[in-house]
Amino acid sequence: MKTMFLSILLFTVLFGLNTFAQEEKPDVMPEPIGGIETIMKNVVYPESAKEEGIQGKVIVKLIVDEKGNVSSTEVVQSVNEDLDKAAVTAIKKTKFTPAMKDDKPVKCEIAIPVKFKLS
């Protein structure tokens, strides 16, 4: 059987957190507490996707609230239902540092790409 692994690709300057349309960009972007390793530990590659050889990148748009919690998620680039659910579940389990604007925590919308790859 093939050895399987997954990786999380995060783009841009701060762990790949991309802002979507916002009125004002925060001074400090939210970051996953424990870094991307925290998200990676939470991702479980679905057996159904492994068996079918399904790979790809799921992009999840999420809102991190003022307390660093993920308050909502939306898959903006789908691979298949099982991989989408795995990516969303991993992200929902992750606590973030909140975004900051003028030294105050603010709600922020970001996107995180999660890449699933079999090898």
PDB file of N, CA and C in Angstrom:
ATOM      1  N   MET A   1       0.839  -1.181   0.000  1.00  0.00           N
ATOM      2  CA  MET A   1       0.000   0.000   0.000  1.00  0.00           C
ATOM      3  C   MET A   1       0.884   1.244   0.000  1.00  0.00           C
ATOM      4  N   LYS A   2       0.408   2.268  -0.612  1.00  0.00           N
ATOM      5  CA  LYS A   2       1.174   3.501  -0.716  1.00  0.00           C
ATOM      6  C   LYS A   2       1.323   4.162   0.653  1.00  0.00           C
ATOM      7  N   THR A   3       2.465   4.792   0.845  1.00  0.00           N
ATOM      8  CA  THR A   3       2.629   5.626   2.027  1.00  0.00           C
ATOM      9  C   THR A   3       1.863   6.913   1.762  1.00  0.00           C
ATOM     10  N   MET A   4       1.104   7.351   2.749  1.00  0.00           N
ATOM     11  CA  MET A   4       0.269   8.518   2.538  1.00  0.00           C
ATOM     12  C   MET A   4       0.657   9.635   3.491  1.00  0.00           C
ATOM     13  N   PHE A   5       0.584  10.825   3.000  1.00  0.00           N
ATOM     14  CA  PHE A   5       0.808  11.967   3.861  1.00  0.00           C
ATOM     15  C   PHE A   5       0.013  13.142   3.321  1.00  0.00           C
ATOM     16  N   LEU A   6      -0.143  14.133   4.152  1.00  0.00           N
ATOM     17  CA  LEU A   6      -0.811  15.339   3.704  1.00  0.00           C
ATOM     18  C   LEU A   6       0.006  16.521   4.163  1.00  0.00           C
ATOM     19  N   SER A   7      -0.168  17.584   3.490  1.00  0.00           N
ATOM     20  CA  SER A   7       0.526  18.797   3.886  1.00  0.00           C
ATOM     21  C   SER A   7      -0.440  19.955   3.812  1.00  0.00           C
ATOM     22  N   ILE A   8      -0.172  20.903   4.619  1.00  0.00           N
ATOM     23  CA  ILE A   8      -0.978  22.116   4.604  1.00  0.00           C
ATOM     24  C   ILE A   8      -0.111  23.214   4.024  1.00  0.00           C
ATOM     25  N   LEU A   9      -0.597  23.797   2.967  1.00  0.00           N
ATOM     26  CA  LEU A   9       0.118  24.902   2.352  1.00  0.00           C
ATOM     27  C   LEU A   9      -0.554  26.191   2.765  1.00  0.00           C
ATOM     28  N   LEU A  10       0.201  27.033   3.357  1.00  0.00           N
ATOM     29  CA  LEU A  10      -0.345  28.316   3.758  1.00  0.00           C
ATOM     30  C   LEU A  10       0.461  29.393   3.050  1.00  0.00           C
ATOM     31  N   PHE A  11      -0.233  30.256   2.349  1.00  0.00           N
ATOM     32  CA  PHE A  11       0.418  31.252   1.523  1.00  0.00           C
ATOM     33  C   PHE A  11       0.391  32.623   2.170  1.00  0.00           C
ATOM     34  N   THR A  12       1.116  33.527   1.642  1.00  0.00           N
ATOM     35  CA  THR A  12       1.326  34.916   2.017  1.00  0.00           C
ATOM     36  C   THR A  12       2.246  35.035   3.205  1.00  0.00           C
ATOM     37  N   VAL A  13       2.350  36.194   3.740  1.00  0.00           N
ATOM     38  CA  VAL A  13       3.365  36.489   4.743  1.00  0.00           C
ATOM     39  C   VAL A  13       3.149  35.769   6.065  1.00  0.00           C
ATOM     40  N   LEU A  14       1.957  35.848   6.629  1.00  0.00           N
ATOM     41  CA  LEU A  14       1.703  35.279   7.953  1.00  0.00           C
ATOM     42  C   LEU A  14       1.002  33.945   7.846  1.00  0.00           C
ATOM     43  N   PHE A  15       1.758  32.870   7.764  1.00  0.00           N
ATOM     44  CA  PHE A  15       1.229  31.512   7.692  1.00  0.00           C
ATOM     45  C   PHE A  15       0.185  31.360   6.590  1.00  0.00           C
ATOM     46  N   GLY A  16       0.249  32.197   5.579  1.00  0.00           N
ATOM     47  CA  GLY A  16      -0.631  32.046   4.439  1.00  0.00           C
ATOM     48  C   GLY A  16      -2.056  32.468   4.695  1.00  0.00           C
ATOM     49  N   LEU A  17      -2.267  33.317   5.635  1.00  0.00           N
ATOM     50  CA  LEU A  17      -3.625  33.732   5.928  1.00  0.00           C
ATOM     51  C   LEU A  17      -3.976  34.889   5.000  1.00  0.00           C
ATOM     52  N   ASN A  18      -4.943  34.662   4.167  1.00  0.00           N
ATOM     53  CA  ASN A  18      -5.355  35.667   3.188  1.00  0.00           C
ATOM     54  C   ASN A  18      -6.619  36.345   3.672  1.00  0.00           C
ATOM     55  N   THR A  19      -6.660  37.656   3.583  1.00  0.00           N
ATOM     56  CA  THR A  19      -7.889  38.345   3.931  1.00  0.00           C
ATOM     57  C   THR A  19      -8.765  38.440   2.702  1.00  0.00           C
ATOM     58  N   PHE A  20     -10.042  38.362   2.923  1.00  0.00           N
ATOM     59  CA  PHE A  20     -11.008  38.612   1.864  1.00  0.00           C
ATOM     60  C   PHE A  20     -11.466  40.055   2.024  1.00  0.00           C
ATOM     61  N   ALA A  21     -12.420  40.466   1.255  1.00  0.00           N
ATOM     62  CA  ALA A  21     -12.877  41.846   1.286  1.00  0.00           C
ATOM     63  C   ALA A  21     -13.268  42.253   2.706  1.00  0.00           C
ATOM     64  N   GLN A  22     -12.582  43.236   3.207  1.00  0.00           N
ATOM     65  CA  GLN A  22     -12.859  43.773   4.523  1.00  0.00           C
ATOM     66  C   GLN A  22     -12.823  45.283   4.405  1.00  0.00           C
ATOM     67  N   GLU A  23     -13.512  45.950   5.326  1.00  0.00           N
ATOM     68  CA  GLU A  23     -13.506  47.400   5.278  1.00  0.00           C
ATOM     69  C   GLU A  23     -12.103  47.932   5.551  1.00  0.00           C
ATOM     70  N   GLU A  24     -11.470  47.429   6.636  1.00  0.00           N
ATOM     71  CA  GLU A  24     -10.120  47.844   6.963  1.00  0.00           C
ATOM     72  C   GLU A  24      -9.292  46.614   7.270  1.00  0.00           C
ATOM     73  N   LYS A  25      -8.094  46.600   6.768  1.00  0.00           N
ATOM     74  CA  LYS A  25      -7.203  45.479   7.034  1.00  0.00           C
ATOM     75  C   LYS A  25      -6.668  45.604   8.464  1.00  0.00           C
ATOM     76  N   PRO A  26      -6.681  44.501   9.206  1.00  0.00           N
ATOM     77  CA  PRO A  26      -6.122  44.554  10.566  1.00  0.00           C
ATOM     78  C   PRO A  26      -4.633  44.859  10.538  1.00  0.00           C
ATOM     79  N   ASP A  27      -4.132  45.399  11.642  1.00  0.00           N
ATOM     80  CA  ASP A  27      -2.695  45.647  11.776  1.00  0.00           C
ATOM     81  C   ASP A  27      -1.946  44.328  11.948  1.00  0.00           C
ATOM     82  N   VAL A  28      -2.569  43.392  12.646  1.00  0.00           N
ATOM     83  CA  VAL A  28      -1.983  42.078  12.898  1.00  0.00           C
ATOM     84  C   VAL A  28      -3.017  41.027  12.495  1.00  0.00           C
ATOM     85  N   MET A  29      -2.603  40.089  11.657  1.00  0.00           N
ATOM     86  CA  MET A  29      -3.512  39.033  11.197  1.00  0.00           C
ATOM     87  C   MET A  29      -3.605  37.913  12.232  1.00  0.00           C
ATOM     88  N   PRO A  30      -4.723  37.175  12.226  1.00  0.00           N
ATOM     89  CA  PRO A  30      -4.824  36.030  13.135  1.00  0.00           C
ATOM     90  C   PRO A  30      -3.839  34.934  12.726  1.00  0.00           C
ATOM     91  N   GLU A  31      -3.387  34.187  13.713  1.00  0.00           N
ATOM     92  CA  GLU A  31      -2.469  33.076  13.467  1.00  0.00           C
ATOM     93  C   GLU A  31      -2.930  31.871  14.275  1.00  0.00           C
ATOM     94  N   PRO A  32      -2.760  30.677  13.726  1.00  0.00           N
ATOM     95  CA  PRO A  32      -3.112  29.488  14.508  1.00  0.00           C
ATOM     96  C   PRO A  32      -2.159  29.349  15.699  1.00  0.00           C
ATOM     97  N   ILE A  33      -2.715  29.158  16.879  1.00  0.00           N
ATOM     98  CA  ILE A  33      -1.886  28.964  18.065  1.00  0.00           C
ATOM     99  C   ILE A  33      -1.173  27.625  17.911  1.00  0.00           C
ATOM    100  N   GLY A  34       0.134  27.649  18.024  1.00  0.00           N
ATOM    101  CA  GLY A  34       0.935  26.444  17.803  1.00  0.00           C
ATOM    102  C   GLY A  34       1.396  26.324  16.362  1.00  0.00           C
ATOM    103  N   GLY A  35       1.042  27.296  15.542  1.00  0.00           N
ATOM    104  CA  GLY A  35       1.473  27.307  14.145  1.00  0.00           C
ATOM    105  C   GLY A  35       0.690  26.340  13.274  1.00  0.00           C
ATOM    106  N   ILE A  36       1.163  26.201  12.051  1.00  0.00           N
ATOM    107  CA  ILE A  36       0.460  25.337  11.101  1.00  0.00           C
ATOM    108  C   ILE A  36       0.481  23.881  11.529  1.00  0.00           C
ATOM    109  N   GLU A  37       1.452  23.540  12.391  1.00  0.00           N
ATOM    110  CA  GLU A  37       1.524  22.162  12.893  1.00  0.00           C
ATOM    111  C   GLU A  37       0.248  21.771  13.622  1.00  0.00           C
ATOM    112  N   THR A  38      -0.369  22.736  14.294  1.00  0.00           N
ATOM    113  CA  THR A  38      -1.617  22.474  15.011  1.00  0.00           C
ATOM    114  C   THR A  38      -2.711  22.040  14.045  1.00  0.00           C
ATOM    115  N   ILE A  39      -2.827  22.746  12.931  1.00  0.00           N
ATOM    116  CA  ILE A  39      -3.831  22.379  11.939  1.00  0.00           C
ATOM    117  C   ILE A  39      -3.488  21.019  11.339  1.00  0.00           C
ATOM    118  N   MET A  40      -2.211  20.817  11.026  1.00  0.00           N
ATOM    119  CA  MET A  40      -1.790  19.553  10.423  1.00  0.00           C
ATOM    120  C   MET A  40      -2.123  18.360  11.319  1.00  0.00           C
ATOM    121  N   LYS A  41      -1.943  18.520  12.626  1.00  0.00           N
ATOM    122  CA  LYS A  41      -2.243  17.438  13.573  1.00  0.00           C
ATOM    123  C   LYS A  41      -3.736  17.108  13.592  1.00  0.00           C
ATOM    124  N   ASN A  42      -4.558  18.100  13.303  1.00  0.00           N
ATOM    125  CA  ASN A  42      -6.011  17.909  13.338  1.00  0.00           C
ATOM    126  C   ASN A  42      -6.590  17.312  12.063  1.00  0.00           C
ATOM    127  N   VAL A  43      -5.818  17.326  10.978  1.00  0.00           N
ATOM    128  CA  VAL A  43      -6.327  16.828   9.698  1.00  0.00           C
ATOM    129  C   VAL A  43      -6.238  15.306   9.655  1.00  0.00           C
ATOM    130  N   VAL A  44      -7.357  14.681   9.341  1.00  0.00           N
ATOM    131  CA  VAL A  44      -7.406  13.232   9.161  1.00  0.00           C
ATOM    132  C   VAL A  44      -7.781  12.960   7.703  1.00  0.00           C
ATOM    133  N   TYR A  45      -6.888  12.298   6.976  1.00  0.00           N
ATOM    134  CA  TYR A  45      -7.144  11.971   5.573  1.00  0.00           C
ATOM    135  C   TYR A  45      -8.237  10.898   5.547  1.00  0.00           C
ATOM    136  N   PRO A  46      -9.381  11.174   4.972  1.00  0.00           N
ATOM    137  CA  PRO A  46     -10.472  10.193   4.967  1.00  0.00           C
ATOM    138  C   PRO A  46     -10.096   8.905   4.224  1.00  0.00           C
ATOM    139  N   GLU A  47     -10.449   7.780   4.817  1.00  0.00           N
ATOM    140  CA  GLU A  47     -10.153   6.477   4.208  1.00  0.00           C
ATOM    141  C   GLU A  47     -10.775   6.355   2.821  1.00  0.00           C
ATOM    142  N   SER A  48     -11.993   6.869   2.664  1.00  0.00           N
ATOM    143  CA  SER A  48     -12.659   6.775   1.359  1.00  0.00           C
ATOM    144  C   SER A  48     -11.854   7.488   0.278  1.00  0.00           C
ATOM    145  N   ALA A  49     -11.280   8.637   0.621  1.00  0.00           N
ATOM    146  CA  ALA A  49     -10.468   9.386  -0.344  1.00  0.00           C
ATOM    147  C   ALA A  49      -9.159   8.660  -0.626  1.00  0.00           C
ATOM    148  N   LYS A  50      -8.577   8.047   0.407  1.00  0.00           N
ATOM    149  CA  LYS A  50      -7.338   7.264   0.207  1.00  0.00           C
ATOM    150  C   LYS A  50      -7.601   6.112  -0.753  1.00  0.00           C
ATOM    151  N   GLU A  51      -8.686   5.373  -0.504  1.00  0.00           N
ATOM    152  CA  GLU A  51      -9.009   4.203  -1.322  1.00  0.00           C
ATOM    153  C   GLU A  51      -9.258   4.573  -2.779  1.00  0.00           C
ATOM    154  N   GLU A  52      -9.853   5.743  -3.000  1.00  0.00           N
ATOM    155  CA  GLU A  52     -10.164   6.183  -4.359  1.00  0.00           C
ATOM    156  C   GLU A  52      -9.027   6.997  -4.987  1.00  0.00           C
ATOM    157  N   GLY A  53      -7.961   7.228  -4.216  1.00  0.00           N
ATOM    158  CA  GLY A  53      -6.824   7.980  -4.737  1.00  0.00           C
ATOM    159  C   GLY A  53      -7.108   9.453  -4.952  1.00  0.00           C
ATOM    160  N   ILE A  54      -8.014  10.007  -4.167  1.00  0.00           N
ATOM    161  CA  ILE A  54      -8.396  11.412  -4.339  1.00  0.00           C
ATOM    162  C   ILE A  54      -7.406  12.314  -3.610  1.00  0.00           C
ATOM    163  N   GLN A  55      -6.906  13.310  -4.325  1.00  0.00           N
ATOM    164  CA  GLN A  55      -5.972  14.295  -3.799  1.00  0.00           C
ATOM    165  C   GLN A  55      -6.442  15.678  -4.222  1.00  0.00           C
ATOM    166  N   GLY A  56      -5.878  16.682  -3.605  1.00  0.00           N
ATOM    167  CA  GLY A  56      -6.174  18.038  -4.046  1.00  0.00           C
ATOM    168  C   GLY A  56      -6.093  19.040  -2.928  1.00  0.00           C
ATOM    169  N   LYS A  57      -6.399  20.282  -3.278  1.00  0.00           N
ATOM    170  CA  LYS A  57      -6.321  21.389  -2.332  1.00  0.00           C
ATOM    171  C   LYS A  57      -7.718  21.923  -2.049  1.00  0.00           C
ATOM    172  N   VAL A  58      -8.066  21.924  -0.781  1.00  0.00           N
ATOM    173  CA  VAL A  58      -9.326  22.497  -0.319  1.00  0.00           C
ATOM    174  C   VAL A  58      -9.000  23.864   0.260  1.00  0.00           C
ATOM    175  N   ILE A  59      -9.720  24.884  -0.161  1.00  0.00           N
ATOM    176  CA  ILE A  59      -9.526  26.207   0.425  1.00  0.00           C
ATOM    177  C   ILE A  59     -10.756  26.533   1.254  1.00  0.00           C
ATOM    178  N   VAL A  60     -10.496  26.842   2.520  1.00  0.00           N
ATOM    179  CA  VAL A  60     -11.571  27.134   3.467  1.00  0.00           C
ATOM    180  C   VAL A  60     -11.484  28.599   3.872  1.00  0.00           C
ATOM    181  N   LYS A  61     -12.584  29.315   3.668  1.00  0.00           N
ATOM    182  CA  LYS A  61     -12.706  30.692   4.139  1.00  0.00           C
ATOM    183  C   LYS A  61     -13.319  30.621   5.529  1.00  0.00           C
ATOM    184  N   LEU A  62     -12.775  31.376   6.454  1.00  0.00           N
ATOM    185  CA  LEU A  62     -13.285  31.337   7.815  1.00  0.00           C
ATOM    186  C   LEU A  62     -13.239  32.705   8.448  1.00  0.00           C
ATOM    187  N   ILE A  63     -14.011  32.842   9.487  1.00  0.00           N
ATOM    188  CA  ILE A  63     -13.985  34.068  10.281  1.00  0.00           C
ATOM    189  C   ILE A  63     -13.419  33.710  11.640  1.00  0.00           C
ATOM    190  N   VAL A  64     -12.365  34.441  12.029  1.00  0.00           N
ATOM    191  CA  VAL A  64     -11.796  34.320  13.363  1.00  0.00           C
ATOM    192  C   VAL A  64     -12.337  35.498  14.159  1.00  0.00           C
ATOM    193  N   ASP A  65     -13.026  35.186  15.271  1.00  0.00           N
ATOM    194  CA  ASP A  65     -13.641  36.261  16.052  1.00  0.00           C
ATOM    195  C   ASP A  65     -12.626  36.947  16.962  1.00  0.00           C
ATOM    196  N   GLU A  66     -13.114  37.892  17.753  1.00  0.00           N
ATOM    197  CA  GLU A  66     -12.245  38.691  18.614  1.00  0.00           C
ATOM    198  C   GLU A  66     -11.569  37.875  19.718  1.00  0.00           C
ATOM    199  N   LYS A  67     -12.055  36.680  19.966  1.00  0.00           N
ATOM    200  CA  LYS A  67     -11.455  35.819  20.989  1.00  0.00           C
ATOM    201  C   LYS A  67     -10.557  34.741  20.383  1.00  0.00           C
ATOM    202  N   GLY A  68     -10.439  34.727  19.058  1.00  0.00           N
ATOM    203  CA  GLY A  68      -9.576  33.753  18.391  1.00  0.00           C
ATOM    204  C   GLY A  68     -10.271  32.453  18.032  1.00  0.00           C
ATOM    205  N   ASN A  69     -11.588  32.434  18.162  1.00  0.00           N
ATOM    206  CA  ASN A  69     -12.358  31.245  17.801  1.00  0.00           C
ATOM    207  C   ASN A  69     -12.797  31.319  16.348  1.00  0.00           C
ATOM    208  N   VAL A  70     -12.909  30.164  15.714  1.00  0.00           N
ATOM    209  CA  VAL A  70     -13.441  30.102  14.353  1.00  0.00           C
ATOM    210  C   VAL A  70     -14.953  30.169  14.478  1.00  0.00           C
ATOM    211  N   SER A  71     -15.542  31.252  13.968  1.00  0.00           N
ATOM    212  CA  SER A  71     -16.993  31.435  14.136  1.00  0.00           C
ATOM    213  C   SER A  71     -17.799  30.943  12.946  1.00  0.00           C
ATOM    214  N   SER A  72     -17.182  30.853  11.769  1.00  0.00           N
ATOM    215  CA  SER A  72     -17.882  30.291  10.614  1.00  0.00           C
ATOM    216  C   SER A  72     -16.860  29.844   9.582  1.00  0.00           C
ATOM    217  N   THR A  73     -17.277  28.902   8.753  1.00  0.00           N
ATOM    218  CA  THR A  73     -16.402  28.393   7.696  1.00  0.00           C
ATOM    219  C   THR A  73     -17.203  28.235   6.413  1.00  0.00           C
ATOM    220  N   GLU A  74     -16.492  28.306   5.296  1.00  0.00           N
ATOM    221  CA  GLU A  74     -17.096  28.066   3.990  1.00  0.00           C
ATOM    222  C   GLU A  74     -16.017  27.520   3.065  1.00  0.00           C
ATOM    223  N   VAL A  75     -16.289  26.423   2.411  1.00  0.00           N
ATOM    224  CA  VAL A  75     -15.347  25.874   1.436  1.00  0.00           C
ATOM    225  C   VAL A  75     -15.491  26.696   0.158  1.00  0.00           C
ATOM    226  N   VAL A  76     -14.385  27.330  -0.243  1.00  0.00           N
ATOM    227  CA  VAL A  76     -14.422  28.152  -1.461  1.00  0.00           C
ATOM    228  C   VAL A  76     -13.762  27.454  -2.636  1.00  0.00           C
ATOM    229  N   GLN A  77     -12.987  26.410  -2.360  1.00  0.00           N
ATOM    230  CA  GLN A  77     -12.456  25.539  -3.418  1.00  0.00           C
ATOM    231  C   GLN A  77     -12.565  24.113  -2.908  1.00  0.00           C
ATOM    232  N   SER A  78     -13.382  23.340  -3.580  1.00  0.00           N
ATOM    233  CA  SER A  78     -13.687  21.981  -3.152  1.00  0.00           C
ATOM    234  C   SER A  78     -12.894  20.956  -3.952  1.00  0.00           C
ATOM    235  N   VAL A  79     -12.607  19.832  -3.298  1.00  0.00           N
ATOM    236  CA  VAL A  79     -12.020  18.688  -3.986  1.00  0.00           C
ATOM    237  C   VAL A  79     -13.076  17.594  -4.062  1.00  0.00           C
ATOM    238  N   ASN A  80     -13.535  17.163  -2.911  1.00  0.00           N
ATOM    239  CA  ASN A  80     -14.688  16.275  -2.818  1.00  0.00           C
ATOM    240  C   ASN A  80     -15.245  16.407  -1.407  1.00  0.00           C
ATOM    241  N   GLU A  81     -16.414  15.900  -1.179  1.00  0.00           N
ATOM    242  CA  GLU A  81     -17.114  16.112   0.081  1.00  0.00           C
ATOM    243  C   GLU A  81     -16.302  15.645   1.294  1.00  0.00           C
ATOM    244  N   ASP A  82     -15.668  14.485   1.201  1.00  0.00           N
ATOM    245  CA  ASP A  82     -14.924  13.947   2.340  1.00  0.00           C
ATOM    246  C   ASP A  82     -13.683  14.785   2.673  1.00  0.00           C
ATOM    247  N   LEU A  83     -12.929  15.195   1.652  1.00  0.00           N
ATOM    248  CA  LEU A  83     -11.759  16.033   1.910  1.00  0.00           C
ATOM    249  C   LEU A  83     -12.177  17.407   2.409  1.00  0.00           C
ATOM    250  N   ASP A  84     -13.259  17.940   1.849  1.00  0.00           N
ATOM    251  CA  ASP A  84     -13.763  19.235   2.314  1.00  0.00           C
ATOM    252  C   ASP A  84     -14.098  19.170   3.803  1.00  0.00           C
ATOM    253  N   LYS A  85     -14.819  18.121   4.203  1.00  0.00           N
ATOM    254  CA  LYS A  85     -15.202  17.971   5.612  1.00  0.00           C
ATOM    255  C   LYS A  85     -13.978  17.819   6.505  1.00  0.00           C
ATOM    256  N   ALA A  86     -12.981  17.064   6.056  1.00  0.00           N
ATOM    257  CA  ALA A  86     -11.765  16.866   6.845  1.00  0.00           C
ATOM    258  C   ALA A  86     -11.036  18.194   7.064  1.00  0.00           C
ATOM    259  N   ALA A  87     -10.957  19.011   6.026  1.00  0.00           N
ATOM    260  CA  ALA A  87     -10.285  20.309   6.135  1.00  0.00           C
ATOM    261  C   ALA A  87     -11.045  21.231   7.088  1.00  0.00           C
ATOM    262  N   VAL A  88     -12.356  21.300   6.934  1.00  0.00           N
ATOM    263  CA  VAL A  88     -13.179  22.166   7.789  1.00  0.00           C
ATOM    264  C   VAL A  88     -13.097  21.704   9.241  1.00  0.00           C
ATOM    265  N   THR A  89     -13.180  20.420   9.479  1.00  0.00           N
ATOM    266  CA  THR A  89     -13.109  19.886  10.847  1.00  0.00           C
ATOM    267  C   THR A  89     -11.786  20.256  11.506  1.00  0.00           C
ATOM    268  N   ALA A  90     -10.685  20.089  10.789  1.00  0.00           N
ATOM    269  CA  ALA A  90      -9.367  20.420  11.338  1.00  0.00           C
ATOM    270  C   ALA A  90      -9.268  21.902  11.684  1.00  0.00           C
ATOM    271  N   ILE A  91      -9.776  22.744  10.812  1.00  0.00           N
ATOM    272  CA  ILE A  91      -9.703  24.185  11.046  1.00  0.00           C
ATOM    273  C   ILE A  91     -10.595  24.593  12.222  1.00  0.00           C
ATOM    274  N   LYS A  92     -11.777  24.009  12.330  1.00  0.00           N
ATOM    275  CA  LYS A  92     -12.672  24.337  13.441  1.00  0.00           C
ATOM    276  C   LYS A  92     -12.091  23.943  14.794  1.00  0.00           C
ATOM    277  N   LYS A  93     -11.214  22.937  14.816  1.00  0.00           N
ATOM    278  CA  LYS A  93     -10.587  22.501  16.063  1.00  0.00           C
ATOM    279  C   LYS A  93      -9.428  23.406  16.482  1.00  0.00           C
ATOM    280  N   THR A  94      -9.029  24.300  15.603  1.00  0.00           N
ATOM    281  CA  THR A  94      -7.855  25.135  15.838  1.00  0.00           C
ATOM    282  C   THR A  94      -8.245  26.455  16.497  1.00  0.00           C
ATOM    283  N   LYS A  95      -7.491  26.841  17.511  1.00  0.00           N
ATOM    284  CA  LYS A  95      -7.652  28.138  18.164  1.00  0.00           C
ATOM    285  C   LYS A  95      -6.641  29.092  17.540  1.00  0.00           C
ATOM    286  N   PHE A  96      -7.029  30.328  17.327  1.00  0.00           N
ATOM    287  CA  PHE A  96      -6.191  31.337  16.701  1.00  0.00           C
ATOM    288  C   PHE A  96      -5.936  32.504  17.649  1.00  0.00           C
ATOM    289  N   THR A  97      -4.836  33.209  17.407  1.00  0.00           N
ATOM    290  CA  THR A  97      -4.687  34.511  18.047  1.00  0.00           C
ATOM    291  C   THR A  97      -5.588  35.445  17.244  1.00  0.00           C
ATOM    292  N   PRO A  98      -6.295  36.347  17.895  1.00  0.00           N
ATOM    293  CA  PRO A  98      -7.194  37.221  17.124  1.00  0.00           C
ATOM    294  C   PRO A  98      -6.427  38.253  16.305  1.00  0.00           C
ATOM    295  N   ALA A  99      -7.080  38.734  15.269  1.00  0.00           N
ATOM    296  CA  ALA A  99      -6.542  39.856  14.499  1.00  0.00           C
ATOM    297  C   ALA A  99      -6.595  41.089  15.395  1.00  0.00           C
ATOM    298  N   MET A 100      -5.700  42.027  15.142  1.00  0.00           N
ATOM    299  CA  MET A 100      -5.650  43.248  15.943  1.00  0.00           C
ATOM    300  C   MET A 100      -5.707  44.473  15.039  1.00  0.00           C
ATOM    301  N   LYS A 101      -6.483  45.446  15.457  1.00  0.00           N
ATOM    302  CA  LYS A 101      -6.565  46.736  14.765  1.00  0.00           C
ATOM    303  C   LYS A 101      -6.547  47.811  15.849  1.00  0.00           C
ATOM    304  N   ASP A 102      -5.571  48.694  15.774  1.00  0.00           N
ATOM    305  CA  ASP A 102      -5.407  49.748  16.778  1.00  0.00           C
ATOM    306  C   ASP A 102      -5.334  49.164  18.189  1.00  0.00           C
ATOM    307  N   ASP A 103      -4.567  48.080  18.327  1.00  0.00           N
ATOM    308  CA  ASP A 103      -4.347  47.395  19.612  1.00  0.00           C
ATOM    309  C   ASP A 103      -5.608  46.804  20.229  1.00  0.00           C
ATOM    310  N   LYS A 104      -6.627  46.569  19.415  1.00  0.00           N
ATOM    311  CA  LYS A 104      -7.853  45.934  19.891  1.00  0.00           C
ATOM    312  C   LYS A 104      -8.129  44.702  19.043  1.00  0.00           C
ATOM    313  N   PRO A 105      -8.590  43.607  19.671  1.00  0.00           N
ATOM    314  CA  PRO A 105      -8.936  42.425  18.878  1.00  0.00           C
ATOM    315  C   PRO A 105     -10.146  42.696  18.001  1.00  0.00           C
ATOM    316  N   VAL A 106     -10.069  42.217  16.759  1.00  0.00           N
ATOM    317  CA  VAL A 106     -11.172  42.410  15.814  1.00  0.00           C
ATOM    318  C   VAL A 106     -11.462  41.106  15.087  1.00  0.00           C
ATOM    319  N   LYS A 107     -12.665  41.002  14.580  1.00  0.00           N
ATOM    320  CA  LYS A 107     -13.073  39.867  13.759  1.00  0.00           C
ATOM    321  C   LYS A 107     -12.370  39.987  12.411  1.00  0.00           C
ATOM    322  N   CYS A 108     -11.972  38.847  11.840  1.00  0.00           N
ATOM    323  CA  CYS A 108     -11.246  38.882  10.572  1.00  0.00           C
ATOM    324  C   CYS A 108     -11.605  37.665   9.729  1.00  0.00           C
ATOM    325  N   GLU A 109     -11.779  37.887   8.450  1.00  0.00           N
ATOM    326  CA  GLU A 109     -12.050  36.809   7.505  1.00  0.00           C
ATOM    327  C   GLU A 109     -10.752  36.457   6.780  1.00  0.00           C
ATOM    328  N   ILE A 110     -10.411  35.172   6.782  1.00  0.00           N
ATOM    329  CA  ILE A 110      -9.179  34.693   6.155  1.00  0.00           C
ATOM    330  C   ILE A 110      -9.481  33.422   5.363  1.00  0.00           C
ATOM    331  N   ALA A 111      -8.505  32.958   4.619  1.00  0.00           N
ATOM    332  CA  ALA A 111      -8.634  31.693   3.893  1.00  0.00           C
ATOM    333  C   ALA A 111      -7.406  30.842   4.173  1.00  0.00           C
ATOM    334  N   ILE A 112      -7.638  29.562   4.337  1.00  0.00           N
ATOM    335  CA  ILE A 112      -6.545  28.625   4.571  1.00  0.00           C
ATOM    336  C   ILE A 112      -6.661  27.490   3.567  1.00  0.00           C
ATOM    337  N   PRO A 113      -5.625  27.294   2.745  1.00  0.00           N
ATOM    338  CA  PRO A 113      -5.622  26.149   1.840  1.00  0.00           C
ATOM    339  C   PRO A 113      -5.075  24.909   2.557  1.00  0.00           C
ATOM    340  N   VAL A 114      -5.741  23.783   2.378  1.00  0.00           N
ATOM    341  CA  VAL A 114      -5.303  22.517   2.953  1.00  0.00           C
ATOM    342  C   VAL A 114      -5.086  21.558   1.788  1.00  0.00           C
ATOM    343  N   LYS A 115      -3.848  21.097   1.630  1.00  0.00           N
ATOM    344  CA  LYS A 115      -3.521  20.231   0.508  1.00  0.00           C
ATOM    345  C   LYS A 115      -3.446  18.790   0.977  1.00  0.00           C
ATOM    346  N   PHE A 116      -4.183  17.918   0.289  1.00  0.00           N
ATOM    347  CA  PHE A 116      -4.168  16.494   0.564  1.00  0.00           C
ATOM    348  C   PHE A 116      -3.406  15.820  -0.571  1.00  0.00           C
ATOM    349  N   LYS A 117      -2.386  15.042  -0.205  1.00  0.00           N
ATOM    350  CA  LYS A 117      -1.571  14.393  -1.233  1.00  0.00           C
ATOM    351  C   LYS A 117      -1.215  12.981  -0.795  1.00  0.00           C
ATOM    352  N   LEU A 118      -1.391  12.045  -1.707  1.00  0.00           N
ATOM    353  CA  LEU A 118      -0.996  10.653  -1.489  1.00  0.00           C
ATOM    354  C   LEU A 118       0.341  10.428  -2.167  1.00  0.00           C
ATOM    355  N   SER A 119       1.176   9.624  -1.550  1.00  0.00           N
ATOM    356  CA  SER A 119       2.439   9.301  -2.215  1.00  0.00           C
ATOM    357  C   SER A 119       2.862   7.892  -1.871  1.00  0.00           C
TER     358      SER A 119
END
